Protein backbone atom coordinates (compact mmCIF):
# COMPACT_ATOMS: atom_id res chain seq x y z
CA UNK A 1 -9.57 25.40 -5.15
CA UNK A 2 -10.51 21.92 -4.72
CA UNK A 3 -8.29 19.56 -3.33
CA UNK A 4 -8.88 15.47 -5.14
CA UNK A 5 -7.91 12.39 -3.14
CA UNK A 6 -7.13 9.05 -4.63
CA UNK A 7 -7.70 6.13 -2.43
CA UNK A 8 -5.41 3.11 -3.44
CA UNK A 9 -6.12 0.35 -0.85
CA UNK A 10 -3.68 -2.36 -2.10
CA UNK A 11 -0.49 -3.07 0.00
CA UNK A 12 2.34 -6.13 0.00
CA UNK A 13 1.23 -6.92 3.75
CA UNK A 14 -1.21 -5.10 6.34
CA UNK A 15 0.80 -3.79 9.46
CA UNK A 16 -0.54 -4.66 12.50
CA UNK A 17 -1.39 -0.88 14.11
CA UNK A 18 -3.16 -0.30 10.66
CA UNK A 19 -6.89 0.75 10.89
CA UNK A 20 -7.41 2.11 7.44
CA UNK A 21 -9.44 0.60 4.19
CA UNK A 22 -6.75 -1.24 3.05
CA UNK A 23 -5.16 -4.65 2.84
CA UNK A 24 -3.39 -7.56 0.66
CA UNK A 25 -5.83 -8.43 -2.01
CA UNK A 26 -5.33 -10.13 -5.12
CA UNK A 27 -3.58 -8.76 -8.26
CA UNK A 28 -5.99 -9.76 -10.45
CA UNK A 29 -8.57 -7.05 -8.58
CA UNK A 30 -5.79 -4.32 -9.20
CA UNK A 31 -6.79 -3.47 -12.59
CA UNK A 32 -10.50 -3.88 -12.06
CA UNK A 33 -10.34 -1.47 -9.26
CA UNK A 34 -8.14 0.91 -11.01
CA UNK A 35 -10.31 1.01 -14.15
CA UNK A 36 -13.25 1.62 -11.36
CA UNK A 37 -11.21 4.50 -9.77
CA UNK A 38 -11.17 6.22 -13.31
CA UNK A 39 -15.19 5.67 -14.25
CA UNK A 40 -15.79 7.32 -11.14
CA UNK A 41 -13.39 10.49 -11.57
CA UNK A 42 -14.57 11.13 -15.03
CA UNK A 43 -18.07 10.85 -13.83
CA UNK A 44 -17.28 13.51 -11.25
CA UNK A 45 -18.40 17.60 -11.90
CA UNK A 46 -15.29 19.08 -13.45
CA UNK A 47 -13.91 21.67 -10.69
CA UNK A 48 -10.13 23.11 -10.55
CA UNK A 49 -7.99 22.14 -8.26
CA UNK A 50 -4.68 23.04 -6.99
CA UNK A 51 -3.40 19.62 -5.14
CA UNK A 52 -3.30 16.02 -5.49
CA UNK A 53 -2.91 13.41 -3.08
CA UNK A 54 -2.75 9.66 -3.65
CA UNK A 55 -3.05 7.91 -0.43
CA UNK A 56 -3.37 4.07 0.97
CA UNK A 57 -2.62 1.45 1.39
CA UNK A 58 0.55 1.79 -0.95
CA UNK A 59 0.29 3.98 -3.78
CA UNK A 60 3.98 3.25 -4.65
CA UNK A 61 2.78 -0.41 -5.59
CA UNK A 62 1.88 0.89 -8.86
CA UNK A 63 3.33 0.82 -11.75
CA UNK A 64 4.58 3.85 -13.76
CA UNK A 65 1.46 3.10 -16.58
CA UNK A 66 -0.97 2.61 -13.80
CA UNK A 67 -0.07 6.13 -12.11
CA UNK A 68 0.26 7.65 -15.57
CA UNK A 69 -3.46 6.17 -15.94
CA UNK A 70 -4.73 7.56 -13.01
CA UNK A 71 -3.27 11.01 -13.75
CA UNK A 72 -4.35 11.49 -17.15
CA UNK A 73 -8.04 10.83 -15.56
CA UNK A 74 -7.60 13.59 -13.43
CA UNK A 75 -5.86 15.75 -15.90
CA UNK A 76 -9.13 15.25 -18.08
CA UNK A 77 -11.79 15.88 -15.72
CA UNK A 78 -10.22 18.82 -13.60
CA UNK A 79 -8.71 21.92 -14.12
CA UNK A 80 -5.02 21.45 -12.60
CA UNK A 81 -3.03 24.53 -11.45
CA UNK A 82 0.56 24.30 -12.75
CA UNK A 83 1.52 25.11 -9.36
CA UNK A 84 -0.46 21.65 -7.95
CA UNK A 85 0.87 20.18 -5.03
CA UNK A 86 0.77 16.45 -6.01
CA UNK A 87 1.54 13.72 -3.01
CA UNK A 88 2.32 10.05 -3.59
CA UNK A 89 2.25 8.03 -0.18
CA UNK A 90 5.08 5.67 0.01
CA UNK A 91 6.31 2.46 1.64
CA UNK A 92 10.12 2.56 1.95
CA UNK A 93 11.67 0.06 -0.56
CA UNK A 94 8.99 -0.12 -2.82
CA UNK A 95 10.34 2.45 -5.55
CA UNK A 96 13.02 2.47 -7.53
CA UNK A 97 15.04 5.42 -10.28
CA UNK A 98 12.84 4.62 -13.04
CA UNK A 99 9.30 4.65 -10.93
CA UNK A 100 10.40 8.14 -9.01
CA UNK A 101 11.12 9.09 -12.78
CA UNK A 102 7.92 8.26 -13.81
CA UNK A 103 6.32 10.05 -11.10
CA UNK A 104 8.11 13.38 -11.55
CA UNK A 105 6.99 13.53 -15.32
CA UNK A 106 3.58 13.42 -14.37
CA UNK A 107 4.23 16.43 -11.85
CA UNK A 108 4.20 14.38 -8.81
CA UNK A 109 6.32 17.02 -6.25
CA UNK A 110 5.99 15.66 -3.05
CA UNK A 111 6.33 11.83 -1.02
CA UNK A 112 5.48 11.03 2.11
CA UNK A 113 7.25 7.99 3.54
CA UNK A 114 5.64 5.61 5.45
CA UNK A 115 8.46 5.24 8.10
CA UNK A 116 6.67 4.74 11.72
CA UNK A 117 9.84 3.85 13.03
CA UNK A 118 13.40 3.70 12.56
CA UNK A 119 14.03 0.49 15.25
CA UNK A 120 14.24 -2.71 14.48
CA UNK A 121 12.52 -4.29 16.88
CA UNK A 122 9.76 -2.35 16.68
CA UNK A 123 9.25 -2.79 13.45
CA UNK A 124 9.41 -6.38 13.27
CA UNK A 125 6.82 -6.70 15.78
CA UNK A 126 4.55 -4.47 13.41
CA UNK A 127 5.18 -6.69 10.11
CA UNK A 128 6.95 -3.74 8.38
CA UNK A 129 10.60 -5.07 7.16
CA UNK A 130 12.60 -2.04 6.49
CA UNK A 131 15.63 -0.59 8.24
CA UNK A 132 16.95 3.07 8.15
CA UNK A 133 19.47 2.30 5.16
CA UNK A 134 16.17 1.55 3.32
CA UNK A 135 14.72 4.83 3.37
CA UNK A 136 18.75 6.44 3.51
CA UNK A 137 18.43 4.87 -0.18
CA UNK A 138 14.94 6.19 -1.01
CA UNK A 139 15.60 9.39 0.04
CA UNK A 140 18.69 9.51 -2.33
CA UNK A 141 16.34 8.47 -4.96
CA UNK A 142 14.09 10.54 -4.68
CA UNK A 143 16.22 13.45 -4.40
CA UNK A 144 18.37 12.78 -7.27
CA UNK A 145 15.31 12.56 -9.46
CA UNK A 146 14.65 16.18 -8.10
CA UNK A 147 11.92 15.57 -5.76
CA UNK A 148 12.68 17.85 -3.04
CA UNK A 149 9.48 17.90 -1.07
CA UNK A 150 9.81 14.89 1.18
CA UNK A 151 7.86 13.97 4.19
CA UNK A 152 8.31 10.70 6.78
CA UNK A 153 5.21 9.69 9.06
CA UNK A 154 6.30 8.11 12.67
CA UNK A 155 3.87 6.67 15.34
CA UNK A 156 4.54 6.86 19.08
CA UNK A 157 3.19 3.70 20.97
CA UNK A 158 4.66 0.87 18.84
CA UNK A 159 5.13 -2.36 20.82
CA UNK A 160 8.64 -2.67 22.34
CA UNK A 161 8.60 1.55 22.21
CA UNK A 162 10.61 2.87 25.24
CA UNK A 163 11.77 6.59 25.53
CA UNK A 164 15.03 5.89 24.63
CA UNK A 165 14.01 3.69 21.32
CA UNK A 166 12.24 6.95 20.46
CA UNK A 167 15.22 9.54 20.64
CA UNK A 168 16.66 6.90 18.47
CA UNK A 169 14.25 7.24 15.77
CA UNK A 170 14.10 10.78 16.37
CA UNK A 171 17.70 11.34 15.95
CA UNK A 172 17.57 9.22 12.96
CA UNK A 173 14.64 10.75 11.30
CA UNK A 174 16.39 13.92 11.63
CA UNK A 175 19.70 12.62 9.84
CA UNK A 176 17.49 12.55 6.90
CA UNK A 177 16.76 15.86 6.78
CA UNK A 178 13.42 15.65 5.41
CA UNK A 179 11.16 18.49 4.88
CA UNK A 180 7.87 17.31 6.47
CA UNK A 181 7.71 15.26 9.46
CA UNK A 182 4.22 13.52 10.70
CA UNK A 183 4.05 12.48 14.34
CA UNK A 184 0.70 10.04 15.14
CA UNK A 185 -0.14 8.53 18.21
CA UNK A 186 -0.96 4.81 17.93
CA UNK A 187 -5.09 4.39 17.84
CA UNK A 188 -6.51 1.41 19.75
CA UNK A 189 -9.38 0.36 17.96
CA UNK A 190 -11.68 -2.44 16.27
CA UNK A 191 -10.29 -1.59 13.06
CA UNK A 192 -7.04 -2.88 13.61
CA UNK A 193 -5.31 -6.21 14.53
CA UNK A 194 -3.52 -4.69 17.12
CA UNK A 195 -5.69 -2.48 18.23
CA UNK A 196 -8.60 -4.98 18.69
CA UNK A 197 -5.90 -6.91 20.75
CA UNK A 198 -5.51 -3.73 23.08
CA UNK A 199 -8.89 -3.36 23.64
CA UNK A 200 -9.77 -7.09 24.26
CA UNK A 201 -6.65 -6.92 26.84
CA UNK A 202 -4.69 -9.65 24.79
CA UNK A 203 -1.26 -10.12 24.34
CA UNK A 204 -1.40 -11.09 20.23
CA UNK A 205 0.56 -8.88 17.84
CA UNK A 206 2.98 -7.80 20.91
CA UNK A 207 -0.17 -5.55 22.23
CA UNK A 208 1.26 -6.78 26.00
CA UNK A 209 4.34 -4.60 24.93
CA UNK A 210 2.82 -1.40 24.25
CA UNK A 211 4.05 1.12 26.13
CA UNK A 212 1.39 2.99 28.84
CA UNK A 213 -0.61 5.68 27.88
CA UNK A 214 1.56 8.17 30.11
CA UNK A 215 4.41 7.20 28.47
CA UNK A 216 2.78 7.25 25.15
CA UNK A 217 2.05 11.23 25.99
CA UNK A 218 5.50 11.68 27.04
CA UNK A 219 6.76 11.12 23.55
CA UNK A 220 4.70 13.02 22.09
CA UNK A 221 5.47 15.96 23.96
CA UNK A 222 9.59 14.51 23.43
CA UNK A 223 8.81 14.89 19.79
CA UNK A 224 7.09 18.30 19.52
CA UNK A 225 10.51 19.58 21.39
CA UNK A 226 12.63 17.88 19.32
CA UNK A 227 11.35 18.52 15.79
CA UNK A 228 10.96 22.33 16.52
CA UNK A 229 14.62 21.93 18.04
CA UNK A 230 15.59 20.75 14.11
CA UNK A 231 13.66 23.36 12.34
CA UNK A 232 10.57 21.58 11.59
CA UNK A 233 7.80 23.91 13.07
CA UNK A 234 4.64 21.71 14.70
CA UNK A 235 1.58 23.58 12.42
CA UNK A 236 -0.74 21.28 13.18
CA UNK A 237 -1.24 18.81 16.02
CA UNK A 238 0.19 15.36 14.43
CA UNK A 239 2.56 17.80 11.52
CA UNK A 240 5.62 19.39 11.52
CA UNK A 241 7.17 21.07 8.42
CA UNK A 242 10.07 23.40 7.29
CA UNK A 243 9.00 27.03 6.18
CA UNK A 244 6.65 26.68 3.67
CA UNK A 245 6.39 23.32 3.17
CA UNK A 246 3.47 22.39 5.20
CA UNK A 247 1.18 19.94 3.44
CA UNK A 248 -1.38 22.04 0.98
CA UNK A 249 -3.54 19.41 0.66
CA UNK A 250 -4.02 17.93 4.44
CA UNK A 251 -4.39 22.20 5.35
CA UNK A 252 -7.77 21.63 3.10
CA UNK A 253 -9.52 19.38 5.65
CA UNK A 254 -8.64 21.56 8.48
CA UNK A 255 -9.79 25.00 6.73
CA UNK A 256 -13.01 23.01 5.78
CA UNK A 257 -12.07 23.52 2.08
CA UNK A 258 -13.72 21.40 -0.78
CA UNK A 259 -12.46 18.44 -1.61
CA UNK A 260 -13.41 15.17 -3.58
CA UNK A 261 -11.96 11.69 -2.98
CA UNK A 262 -12.61 8.52 -5.03
CA UNK A 263 -11.57 5.26 -4.66
CA UNK A 264 -12.38 2.65 -1.57
CA UNK A 265 -13.28 4.55 1.71
CA UNK A 266 -12.25 8.26 0.22
CA UNK A 267 -14.24 11.10 1.61
CA UNK A 268 -15.54 14.44 -0.15
CA UNK A 269 -16.87 17.96 1.02
CA UNK A 270 -18.27 20.88 -1.37
CA UNK A 271 -19.29 23.14 1.62
CA UNK A 272 -22.85 21.91 1.50
CA UNK A 273 -22.56 18.30 2.07
CA UNK A 274 -20.02 15.75 3.15
CA UNK A 275 -19.90 12.03 1.32
CA UNK A 276 -17.79 8.96 2.04
CA UNK A 277 -17.62 6.03 -0.44
CA UNK A 278 -18.05 2.15 0.71
CA UNK A 279 -15.22 1.19 2.26
CA UNK A 280 -15.26 -2.76 0.97
CA UNK A 281 -13.05 -3.21 -2.19
CA UNK A 282 -15.07 -5.76 -3.46
CA UNK A 283 -18.60 -3.62 -3.17
CA UNK A 284 -16.87 -0.78 -4.63
CA UNK A 285 -15.85 -2.40 -7.90
CA UNK A 286 -19.23 -4.18 -8.21
CA UNK A 287 -20.70 -0.69 -7.91
CA UNK A 288 -18.59 0.91 -10.43
CA UNK A 289 -18.88 -1.49 -13.11
CA UNK A 290 -22.63 -1.04 -12.30
CA UNK A 291 -22.33 2.11 -13.49
CA UNK A 292 -24.24 2.53 -9.61
CA UNK A 293 -22.52 5.65 -7.22
CA UNK A 294 -19.97 4.43 -4.79
CA UNK A 295 -21.30 6.51 -1.85
CA UNK A 296 -22.41 4.87 0.91
CA UNK A 297 -23.44 7.66 2.84
CA UNK A 298 -24.36 11.84 2.29
CA UNK A 299 -24.10 14.20 5.30
CA UNK A 300 -25.75 17.87 4.15
CA UNK A 301 -23.31 20.09 6.26
CA UNK A 302 -25.90 23.16 7.45
CA UNK A 303 -24.54 26.63 8.78
CA UNK A 304 -24.61 25.21 12.55
CA UNK A 305 -22.63 22.18 11.66
CA UNK A 306 -20.16 24.61 9.60
CA UNK A 307 -19.21 26.74 12.49
CA UNK A 308 -18.80 23.63 14.93
CA UNK A 309 -16.35 22.00 12.20
CA UNK A 310 -14.85 25.57 11.83
CA UNK A 311 -13.94 25.39 15.38
CA UNK A 312 -13.08 21.72 15.92
CA UNK A 313 -10.96 21.22 13.10
CA UNK A 314 -10.02 24.92 13.15
CA UNK A 315 -8.36 24.25 16.56
CA UNK A 316 -6.09 21.19 15.39
CA UNK A 317 -3.50 24.00 13.76
CA UNK A 318 -1.38 25.79 15.88
CA UNK A 319 -2.43 29.00 14.21
CA UNK A 320 -5.87 28.10 16.20
CA UNK A 321 -9.60 29.99 15.11
CA UNK A 322 -10.59 33.41 14.93
CA UNK A 323 -12.87 34.19 17.72
CA UNK A 324 -15.53 36.28 15.93
CA UNK A 325 -18.69 37.36 17.31
CA UNK A 326 -20.60 33.72 16.49
CA UNK A 327 -17.55 32.32 18.46
CA UNK A 328 -17.83 34.67 21.50
CA UNK A 329 -22.16 34.13 21.54
CA UNK A 330 -22.62 30.35 20.82
CA UNK A 331 -19.21 28.94 21.95
CA UNK A 332 -18.26 31.23 24.54
CA UNK A 333 -18.77 29.73 27.57
CA UNK A 334 -17.16 26.87 26.49
CA UNK A 335 -13.88 28.71 25.05
CA UNK A 336 -13.56 30.78 28.83
CA UNK A 337 -14.17 27.35 30.79
CA UNK A 338 -11.38 25.45 28.87
CA UNK A 339 -8.98 28.23 28.98
CA UNK A 340 -9.40 28.14 32.92
CA UNK A 341 -8.59 24.61 32.54
CA UNK A 342 -5.25 25.38 30.56
CA UNK A 343 -6.66 23.84 27.48
CA UNK A 344 -7.12 26.56 25.40
CA UNK A 345 -5.37 30.37 25.27
CA UNK A 346 -6.25 33.70 23.65
CA UNK A 347 -2.99 34.55 21.06
CA UNK A 348 -4.34 38.57 19.66
CA UNK A 349 -7.56 37.92 18.29
CA UNK A 350 -7.13 33.94 17.73
CA UNK A 351 -8.08 30.69 20.17
CA UNK A 352 -5.62 28.00 20.19
CA UNK A 353 -4.68 24.93 21.85
CA UNK A 354 -2.18 25.03 24.45
CA UNK A 355 0.38 22.20 24.63
CA UNK A 356 -1.70 20.30 27.43
CA UNK A 357 -4.70 20.92 24.95
CA UNK A 358 -2.87 19.14 22.09
CA UNK A 359 -2.80 16.15 24.15
CA UNK A 360 -6.04 16.51 25.72
CA UNK A 361 -7.82 17.19 21.99
CA UNK A 362 -10.45 14.93 21.62
CA UNK A 363 -11.65 16.38 24.87
CA UNK A 364 -11.49 19.66 24.18
CA UNK A 365 -13.43 19.10 20.43
CA UNK A 366 -15.91 17.68 22.01
CA UNK A 367 -17.01 20.62 23.41
CA UNK A 368 -17.79 22.32 19.73
CA UNK A 369 -19.90 19.61 19.00
């Protein structure tokens, strides 16, 4: 079955580390955007789906009526299974019991909270305004409404972060008893203000207080050890979950399963092609209001490319990739080389990243492209 992703790029503020196509836009654009997304959904090919994911941006800023409009469009166009996983991304402090009750009535059964850190100095340096007490209240509201599949995100490498403050965040996160935790490493690229400043060697946005690469790597390793000790099993490079609480939707990406994306900068895959929408909000709205396609690019995925993706996406998961005849032939030499360097290991009839390989995963993946 397909997964369905809906992009909600609206935020109250733009975090310094964020490199997504999201931002602070005039509220007047929101209704036009939602109408455009619903139009794109209704024009899509009908498929069966077992996961819905509203990502952002900050989908929790939408009203119950606006969320309901999106779900109505999705259910009108797609055959959504009764046991579908339906996820909403939320920022701490942006929802109340009434809104969560509306989510629950629409079938939402999973919430991903963008916590990022639970240390005030680190949060303020990036523009985040919540605190641990905010997150504690949020989890109480969610669980009180019957949503018991809750994930939180953390980022290793934020300004002012130290091994001691990272331990504080990990301990605080564990005290919340989430079902899922994602640990991302800060990305330094031109698409975020902090990333661009780091690349330029500047000091704005507390860039001078970002820990070194070696320290960041040690923070990631510590998170892996800590979360495993608290019952959150690592199943993908950045993701940890209690048994049975892995993200069904996100696994579609790593398993090369089909998915459809709607909205700004959303991406899709049907097994034969990948395509992505424009990443500019005004252009997306204008295209949809004209009745044009939102697609900015289409990339055919031939058999050779499918095999490459099966490896470099599949290796993200701790289970690894089955070593079949095709893999032994085309990639056999690279697999043996990476294994000799301690980056890959053999487990029964599968190949998977070693702990060191996860730290150097981008270098490993290049061998399969």
